Amino acid sequence: MKWPFANNIINNILRNTKVVFIIYVIVAIAISIQLFSLSSKDILPNHQVYTEYNNYIIFKQSHFHLLENKDLYKLYLDECWDYYKYSPAFSLLFGVFAYFPDIIGLILWNLANALLLFLSIRYLTQFSNQKRNAILFFVLIELITSLQNSQSNGLMAALIIFTFGFLENKKYAWATLCIVFSIFIKIFGVVAFVLFIFYPDKWKLILYSLFWTLFFFFIPLLVVNHHQLYFLYERWWILLGQDHAVSNGLSVMNWLIIWFNITIKKNIVLLTGLIIFLLPLLRIKQYKYFQFRLMLLASILIWTVIFNHKAESPTFIIAICGIAIWYFSKQRNWPDTILVITAFIFTSMSVTDIFPPFVRNHYFIPFVIKVAPCIFIWIKIMYELLFEDYNKQKINSVASL
């Protein structure tokens, strides 16, 4: 059955970028006000009370810990209930938000995550206007989940997508800035360096990357001495190693254990996933086709989540961006549509109130349902990257949406 009136409304919304922008702004502000307004909660046995925007507090306090020459990677239970796990450079730069009252800083932080993601997808100018807006609507629920946890994952997704967009437009200084900054937030951003293989002037890319790496590595010296900086990097490395040892998260590793009772060392799973991820690079003749490069971007966005032993629900905005880019950029068929609907329901919607708490707590969480559609779609993308001829492909129109 066709619904021309409904289709016209949808198409009109998808053509109106201002509406999408306003929705992103309203969502970020509303979530921030909601988090700030909610009562604090008692989490740990010591009955310490913590805010609902605990991650923002972690980031904020890390800035002041840096200025006070404290150990950034120590647990400060009198302030927040988890460890700070990012670089000293991120602590310093978070001062942009840290000096505001919490309500203002939290709004600005969530706006930065939402609007940078908005801009990065809008920067994919090879897509039609409608297609970019369709992607933004598709990822919105997952973005909300990340913002409700005052996380940095919207920013991470934006930096990786911006890296691709800047590379396509030969803006290498900006591309390398984005990718290096992403690594100094969450180290798994390093996977996006693979994109460099597609573009000329590789010496420029290497030199710009080296410059930004040194910049972010040493910029904390503005507020600490070199002994303290060495100590902080040493502590960061130790903490990341400890994290790797104790957690499986919503990852391929945990999926194999829970679904198939297969226990394999994390490093072996990670290495296997990396080898599979790199196999399409053997198809050198396909490098010149935009669609091939775009599909590798989609693969990167999904890979960095499903092979991340610390992946949690708010992290999946990164993977869902990859899924949206994959789906809305190709000639679609019913298997792809089924896969993307499955991802929307069981990845994006699985943590929402559309499902009763009993279902979420007894089925979705114990059986790591959220990651499964992402794994299946990544496998499909890898099959396409390995066997399709991208010489015959162009980005499909979204006129039918």
Protein backbone atom coordinates (compact mmCIF):
# COMPACT_ATOMS: atom_id res chain seq x y z
CA MET A 1 0.00 0.00 0.00
CA LYS A 2 1.32 3.42 -0.94
CA TRP A 3 0.99 6.49 1.27
CA PRO A 4 1.78 9.49 -1.00
CA PHE A 5 0.87 12.07 1.66
CA ALA A 6 3.19 10.48 4.25
CA ASN A 7 5.93 10.11 1.65
CA ASN A 8 5.64 13.80 0.76
CA ILE A 9 5.97 14.79 4.42
CA ILE A 10 9.03 12.57 4.87
CA ASN A 11 10.67 13.89 1.70
CA ASN A 12 9.99 17.50 2.71
CA ILE A 13 11.60 16.91 6.12
CA LEU A 14 14.60 15.19 4.56
CA ARG A 15 15.11 18.14 2.21
CA ASN A 16 15.05 20.67 5.05
CA THR A 17 18.48 20.69 6.68
CA LYS A 18 17.51 23.51 9.04
CA VAL A 19 14.86 21.27 10.62
CA VAL A 20 17.42 18.53 11.18
CA PHE A 21 19.88 21.02 12.68
CA ILE A 22 17.25 22.41 15.05
CA ILE A 23 16.29 18.88 16.14
CA TYR A 24 19.94 18.09 16.95
CA VAL A 25 20.30 21.32 18.96
CA ILE A 26 17.06 20.76 20.88
CA VAL A 27 17.95 17.13 21.63
CA ALA A 28 21.40 18.04 23.00
CA ILE A 29 20.08 20.87 25.17
CA ALA A 30 17.03 18.92 26.43
CA ILE A 31 19.10 15.88 27.40
CA SER A 32 21.62 18.08 29.22
CA ILE A 33 18.90 19.84 31.21
CA GLN A 34 17.28 16.50 32.01
CA LEU A 35 20.57 15.04 33.27
CA PHE A 36 21.29 18.10 35.38
CA SER A 37 17.77 18.06 36.84
CA LEU A 38 17.71 14.39 37.82
CA SER A 39 18.40 13.47 41.42
CA SER A 40 21.88 12.24 42.26
CA LYS A 41 22.22 8.52 42.78
CA ASP A 42 23.90 6.27 45.31
CA ILE A 43 26.02 3.73 43.42
CA LEU A 44 28.79 2.31 45.54
CA PRO A 45 28.86 0.53 48.92
CA ASN A 46 30.30 3.65 50.54
CA HIS A 47 26.97 5.38 49.76
CA GLN A 48 28.69 8.24 47.97
CA VAL A 49 26.21 10.21 45.85
CA TYR A 50 26.97 10.90 42.19
CA THR A 51 25.34 12.93 39.45
CA GLU A 52 23.58 11.48 36.39
CA TYR A 53 26.22 13.16 34.22
CA ASN A 54 29.14 11.36 35.83
CA ASN A 55 31.23 11.14 32.65
CA TYR A 56 31.15 14.91 32.25
CA ILE A 57 32.33 15.24 35.86
CA ILE A 58 35.18 12.81 35.14
CA PHE A 59 36.31 14.88 32.16
CA LYS A 60 35.90 18.16 34.03
CA GLN A 61 37.77 17.04 37.14
CA SER A 62 40.59 15.57 35.05
CA HIS A 63 41.35 19.10 33.85
CA PHE A 64 41.76 20.39 37.39
CA HIS A 65 43.70 17.26 38.43
CA LEU A 66 46.12 18.01 35.59
CA LEU A 67 46.60 21.59 36.76
CA GLU A 68 47.15 20.35 40.32
CA ASN A 69 49.83 17.81 39.25
CA LYS A 70 47.71 14.91 40.41
CA ASP A 71 47.57 11.40 39.01
CA LEU A 72 44.84 11.56 36.33
CA TYR A 73 44.37 7.81 36.37
CA LYS A 74 43.63 7.33 40.02
CA LEU A 75 40.07 6.66 41.23
CA TYR A 76 38.63 9.77 42.93
CA LEU A 77 35.52 8.36 44.58
CA ASP A 78 34.79 11.60 46.36
CA GLU A 79 34.17 13.19 42.94
CA CYS A 80 33.06 10.50 40.48
CA TRP A 81 32.60 6.75 40.32
CA ASP A 82 34.87 5.69 37.46
CA TYR A 83 38.38 6.18 36.12
CA TYR A 84 39.50 8.82 33.65
CA LYS A 85 40.82 6.88 30.62
CA TYR A 86 41.77 9.51 28.05
CA SER A 87 45.03 11.31 27.35
CA PRO A 88 46.54 14.23 29.31
CA ALA A 89 45.98 16.38 26.21
CA PHE A 90 42.24 15.78 26.37
CA SER A 91 42.27 16.78 30.05
CA LEU A 92 43.92 20.07 29.17
CA LEU A 93 41.62 20.83 26.24
CA PHE A 94 38.52 20.02 28.27
CA GLY A 95 39.19 23.28 30.06
CA VAL A 96 37.06 24.80 27.28
CA PHE A 97 34.07 23.38 29.19
CA ALA A 98 35.38 22.86 32.73
CA TYR A 99 35.23 26.46 33.96
CA PHE A 100 31.55 26.92 33.27
CA PRO A 101 28.86 26.02 35.82
CA ASP A 102 27.92 22.37 35.31
CA ILE A 103 24.63 23.08 33.55
CA ILE A 104 26.31 25.36 30.98
CA GLY A 105 29.38 23.16 30.52
CA LEU A 106 27.24 20.04 30.12
CA ILE A 107 25.03 21.72 27.50
CA LEU A 108 28.08 22.94 25.57
CA TRP A 109 29.74 19.51 25.78
CA ASN A 110 26.67 17.67 24.48
CA LEU A 111 26.14 20.31 21.80
CA ALA A 112 29.73 19.83 20.67
CA ASN A 113 29.18 16.08 20.32
CA ALA A 114 25.86 16.43 18.51
CA LEU A 115 26.73 19.30 16.18
CA LEU A 116 30.18 18.04 15.18
CA LEU A 117 28.56 14.75 14.21
CA PHE A 118 25.90 16.72 12.30
CA LEU A 119 28.58 18.72 10.47
CA SER A 120 30.73 15.69 9.67
CA ILE A 121 27.85 13.88 7.97
CA ARG A 122 26.81 17.06 6.17
CA TYR A 123 30.42 17.28 4.95
CA LEU A 124 29.94 14.06 2.95
CA THR A 125 29.08 16.19 -0.06
CA GLN A 126 29.08 13.25 -2.48
CA PHE A 127 25.74 12.32 -0.93
CA SER A 128 22.56 14.16 -1.87
CA ASN A 129 21.07 16.56 0.66
CA GLN A 130 18.23 14.14 1.39
CA LYS A 131 20.59 11.23 1.87
CA ARG A 132 22.73 13.08 4.43
CA ASN A 133 19.63 14.08 6.37
CA ALA A 134 18.35 10.49 6.21
CA ILE A 135 21.62 9.33 7.79
CA LEU A 136 21.30 11.99 10.51
CA PHE A 137 17.79 10.84 11.38
CA PHE A 138 18.82 7.17 11.36
CA VAL A 139 21.64 7.70 13.88
CA LEU A 140 19.70 10.09 16.13
CA ILE A 141 18.43 7.52 18.65
CA GLU A 142 21.91 6.10 19.12
CA LEU A 143 23.27 9.62 19.53
CA ILE A 144 20.68 10.24 22.24
CA THR A 145 21.96 7.17 24.12
CA SER A 146 25.50 8.56 23.99
CA LEU A 147 24.42 12.06 25.06
CA GLN A 148 22.41 10.65 27.97
CA ASN A 149 25.71 9.30 29.26
CA SER A 150 27.55 12.59 28.54
CA GLN A 151 30.02 10.51 26.54
CA SER A 152 32.51 11.51 23.84
CA ASN A 153 31.39 8.99 21.23
CA GLY A 154 29.54 11.47 19.04
CA LEU A 155 32.79 13.43 18.86
CA MET A 156 34.74 10.25 18.04
CA ALA A 157 32.40 9.33 15.19
CA ALA A 158 32.57 12.89 13.88
CA LEU A 159 36.38 12.96 13.89
CA ILE A 160 36.64 9.71 11.90
CA ILE A 161 34.01 10.85 9.37
CA PHE A 162 35.66 14.27 9.08
CA THR A 163 38.99 12.52 8.45
CA PHE A 164 37.48 10.78 5.43
CA GLY A 165 35.78 13.93 4.17
CA PHE A 166 38.92 16.04 4.46
CA LEU A 167 41.01 13.36 2.75
CA GLU A 168 38.56 13.26 -0.16
CA ASN A 169 38.91 17.03 -0.49
CA LYS A 170 42.73 16.92 -0.17
CA LYS A 171 42.66 18.95 3.06
CA TYR A 172 45.40 16.89 4.64
CA ALA A 173 46.23 19.17 7.56
CA TRP A 174 42.63 19.01 8.78
CA ALA A 175 42.32 15.27 8.09
CA THR A 176 45.41 14.43 10.12
CA LEU A 177 44.34 16.78 12.92
CA CYS A 178 41.04 14.89 13.22
CA ILE A 179 42.54 11.42 13.22
CA VAL A 180 45.35 12.23 15.67
CA PHE A 181 42.97 14.03 18.02
CA SER A 182 40.66 10.99 17.96
CA ILE A 183 43.57 8.79 19.08
CA PHE A 184 44.30 11.12 22.00
CA ILE A 185 40.67 10.68 23.06
CA LYS A 186 40.24 6.95 22.49
CA ILE A 187 43.21 5.06 21.20
CA PHE A 188 41.25 2.79 18.85
CA GLY A 189 40.92 5.76 16.47
CA VAL A 190 44.34 4.65 15.17
CA VAL A 191 42.55 2.20 12.84
CA ALA A 192 41.44 5.12 10.66
CA PHE A 193 45.06 5.64 9.56
CA VAL A 194 44.33 2.88 7.04
CA LEU A 195 42.47 5.49 4.97
CA PHE A 196 45.79 7.14 4.10
CA ILE A 197 46.65 4.36 1.68
CA PHE A 198 44.08 5.67 -0.82
CA TYR A 199 45.44 9.19 -1.24
CA PRO A 200 48.50 10.79 -2.91
CA ASP A 201 51.09 12.97 -1.18
CA LYS A 202 51.68 10.39 1.52
CA TRP A 203 54.73 12.27 2.78
CA LYS A 204 52.45 15.20 3.53
CA LEU A 205 50.12 12.90 5.43
CA ILE A 206 53.01 11.43 7.39
CA LEU A 207 54.54 14.80 8.24
CA TYR A 208 51.21 16.35 9.23
CA SER A 209 50.43 13.31 11.38
CA LEU A 210 53.81 13.56 13.08
CA PHE A 211 53.28 17.27 13.72
CA TRP A 212 49.84 16.78 15.30
CA THR A 213 51.06 13.78 17.32
CA LEU A 214 53.88 15.83 18.81
CA PHE A 215 51.49 18.74 19.37
CA PHE A 216 48.96 16.70 21.35
CA PHE A 217 51.66 14.68 23.10
CA PHE A 218 53.49 17.70 24.45
CA ILE A 219 50.78 20.33 24.83
CA PRO A 220 50.24 19.37 28.51
CA LEU A 221 53.71 20.81 29.12
CA LEU A 222 51.95 24.16 29.19
CA VAL A 223 50.76 23.27 32.69
CA VAL A 224 52.99 20.39 33.93
CA ASN A 225 56.71 19.65 33.83
CA HIS A 226 58.25 16.86 31.76
CA HIS A 227 58.63 14.50 34.74
CA GLN A 228 54.92 14.73 35.51
CA LEU A 229 54.02 14.28 31.85
CA TYR A 230 56.12 11.13 31.60
CA PHE A 231 54.47 9.83 34.77
CA LEU A 232 50.99 10.51 33.35
CA TYR A 233 51.66 8.70 30.07
CA GLU A 234 53.09 5.77 31.99
CA ARG A 235 49.98 5.64 34.20
CA TRP A 236 47.68 5.94 31.16
CA TRP A 237 49.40 3.00 29.48
CA ILE A 238 49.10 0.87 32.64
CA LEU A 239 45.40 1.69 33.01
CA LEU A 240 44.66 0.81 29.39
CA GLY A 241 46.46 -2.51 29.88
CA GLN A 242 44.45 -3.29 33.00
CA ASP A 243 41.23 -2.43 31.17
CA HIS A 244 42.14 -4.80 28.36
CA ALA A 245 42.66 -7.64 30.82
CA VAL A 246 39.38 -7.42 32.75
CA SER A 247 36.66 -6.56 30.26
CA ASN A 248 34.97 -7.98 27.14
CA GLY A 249 32.20 -5.40 26.73
CA LEU A 250 29.66 -5.53 23.90
CA SER A 251 32.20 -7.00 21.52
CA VAL A 252 32.88 -9.90 19.19
CA MET A 253 34.83 -11.50 22.05
CA ASN A 254 31.84 -11.51 24.38
CA TRP A 255 29.45 -12.50 21.57
CA LEU A 256 31.54 -15.61 20.83
CA ILE A 257 31.56 -16.58 24.50
CA ILE A 258 27.84 -16.06 25.15
CA TRP A 259 26.35 -17.26 21.87
CA PHE A 260 28.72 -20.12 21.03
CA ASN A 261 30.59 -20.85 24.27
CA ILE A 262 33.84 -20.17 22.42
CA THR A 263 36.57 -18.62 24.54
CA ILE A 264 39.53 -17.30 22.58
CA LYS A 265 42.22 -14.95 23.84
CA LYS A 266 41.29 -11.34 23.11
CA ASN A 267 44.49 -10.64 21.24
CA ILE A 268 43.85 -13.57 18.90
CA VAL A 269 40.30 -12.38 18.16
CA LEU A 270 41.58 -8.84 17.68
CA LEU A 271 44.39 -9.95 15.35
CA THR A 272 41.99 -12.13 13.34
CA GLY A 273 39.54 -9.24 13.03
CA LEU A 274 42.38 -6.93 11.95
CA ILE A 275 43.56 -9.35 9.25
CA ILE A 276 40.03 -9.72 7.87
CA PHE A 277 39.59 -5.94 8.01
CA LEU A 278 42.79 -5.40 5.99
CA LEU A 279 42.13 -8.04 3.31
CA PRO A 280 40.21 -5.68 0.97
CA LEU A 281 43.34 -3.53 0.70
CA LEU A 282 44.75 -6.24 -1.56
CA ARG A 283 42.28 -5.03 -4.22
CA ILE A 284 44.48 -2.14 -5.32
CA LYS A 285 42.55 -1.59 -8.58
CA GLN A 286 39.46 -0.69 -6.56
CA TYR A 287 41.15 2.16 -4.68
CA LYS A 288 40.18 4.74 -7.31
CA TYR A 289 36.46 4.21 -6.78
CA PHE A 290 34.78 6.45 -4.23
CA GLN A 291 32.27 3.78 -3.22
CA PHE A 292 35.07 1.37 -2.29
CA ARG A 293 36.75 4.00 -0.12
CA LEU A 294 33.41 4.89 1.47
CA MET A 295 32.70 1.27 2.33
CA LEU A 296 36.07 1.04 4.04
CA LEU A 297 35.06 4.06 6.13
CA ALA A 298 31.86 2.23 7.11
CA SER A 299 33.94 -0.83 7.98
CA ILE A 300 36.27 1.26 10.18
CA LEU A 301 33.38 2.81 12.10
CA ILE A 302 31.86 -0.58 12.85
CA TRP A 303 35.16 -2.39 13.46
CA THR A 304 36.33 0.09 16.10
CA VAL A 305 33.25 -0.79 18.17
CA ILE A 306 32.69 -4.51 17.69
CA PHE A 307 36.36 -5.35 18.31
CA ASN A 308 36.64 -2.96 21.24
CA HIS A 309 36.76 -4.91 24.50
CA LYS A 310 35.41 -1.83 26.34
CA ALA A 311 32.45 -1.21 24.02
CA GLU A 312 29.30 -0.28 25.89
CA SER A 313 25.90 0.91 24.79
CA PRO A 314 26.83 4.62 24.32
CA THR A 315 29.76 3.60 22.09
CA PHE A 316 27.46 2.32 19.37
CA ILE A 317 26.78 5.73 17.85
CA ILE A 318 30.11 5.13 16.09
CA ALA A 319 29.05 1.77 14.65
CA ILE A 320 25.55 2.92 13.72
CA CYS A 321 27.09 5.77 11.69
CA GLY A 322 29.00 3.15 9.72
CA ILE A 323 25.83 1.14 9.18
CA ALA A 324 23.92 4.22 7.99
CA ILE A 325 26.69 5.24 5.57
CA TRP A 326 26.79 1.69 4.20
CA TYR A 327 23.03 1.38 3.73
CA PHE A 328 22.19 4.81 2.33
CA SER A 329 25.06 4.84 -0.16
CA LYS A 330 24.23 1.76 -2.20
CA GLN A 331 21.63 0.13 -4.37
CA ARG A 332 19.56 -1.52 -1.69
CA ASN A 333 17.96 -4.96 -1.72
CA TRP A 334 15.75 -6.83 0.71
CA PRO A 335 18.59 -8.63 2.59
CA ASP A 336 20.29 -5.26 3.24
CA THR A 337 16.99 -3.73 4.32
CA ILE A 338 16.33 -6.59 6.73
CA LEU A 339 19.81 -6.19 8.18
CA VAL A 340 19.45 -2.44 8.69
CA ILE A 341 15.98 -2.78 10.23
CA THR A 342 17.40 -5.43 12.57
CA ALA A 343 20.18 -3.03 13.56
CA PHE A 344 17.71 -0.21 14.15
CA ILE A 345 15.51 -2.40 16.38
CA PHE A 346 18.08 -4.47 18.25
CA THR A 347 21.03 -2.06 18.35
CA SER A 348 19.49 1.43 18.55
CA MET A 349 16.12 0.63 20.13
CA SER A 350 17.18 -2.22 22.43
CA VAL A 351 18.08 0.12 25.31
CA THR A 352 14.93 2.24 25.03
CA ASP A 353 11.58 1.88 26.80
CA ILE A 354 10.01 0.43 23.66
CA PHE A 355 11.09 -2.89 25.17
CA PRO A 356 9.97 -3.77 28.72
CA PRO A 357 12.71 -3.82 31.38
CA PHE A 358 12.21 -7.59 31.77
CA VAL A 359 13.13 -8.17 28.12
CA ARG A 360 16.11 -5.80 28.28
CA ASN A 361 17.48 -7.19 31.56
CA HIS A 362 16.89 -10.89 30.95
CA TYR A 363 17.55 -11.21 27.22
CA PHE A 364 19.14 -8.21 25.52
CA ILE A 365 21.84 -7.46 28.09
CA PRO A 366 22.85 -11.04 29.04
CA PHE A 367 22.94 -12.15 25.38
CA VAL A 368 24.74 -8.98 24.12
CA ILE A 369 21.98 -8.54 21.54
CA LYS A 370 23.03 -4.96 20.80
CA VAL A 371 26.28 -5.96 19.10
CA ALA A 372 24.94 -8.86 17.00
CA PRO A 373 23.40 -6.87 14.09
CA CYS A 374 26.59 -4.80 13.84
CA ILE A 375 28.66 -7.98 13.52
CA PHE A 376 26.39 -9.37 10.80
CA ILE A 377 26.45 -6.10 8.84
CA TRP A 378 30.23 -5.81 9.16
CA ILE A 379 30.56 -9.32 7.72
CA LYS A 380 28.29 -8.27 4.82
CA ILE A 381 30.41 -5.15 4.22
CA MET A 382 33.59 -7.22 4.21
CA TYR A 383 32.06 -9.59 1.64
CA GLU A 384 31.18 -6.61 -0.57
CA LEU A 385 34.64 -5.06 -0.19
CA LEU A 386 36.28 -8.35 -1.13
CA PHE A 387 34.14 -9.37 -4.09
CA GLU A 388 32.12 -6.52 -5.60
CA ASP A 389 33.27 -4.53 -8.62
CA TYR A 390 32.94 -0.89 -7.61
CA ASN A 391 33.60 0.30 -11.14
CA LYS A 392 29.90 -0.21 -11.81
CA GLN A 393 28.57 1.40 -8.64
CA LYS A 394 27.42 4.91 -7.83
CA ILE A 395 25.78 6.33 -4.73
CA ASN A 396 22.09 5.52 -4.99
CA SER A 397 19.46 8.27 -4.92
CA VAL A 398 17.24 8.68 -1.87
CA ALA A 399 14.29 9.93 -3.90
CA SER A 400 12.36 6.82 -2.91
CA LEU A 401 12.60 7.62 0.81
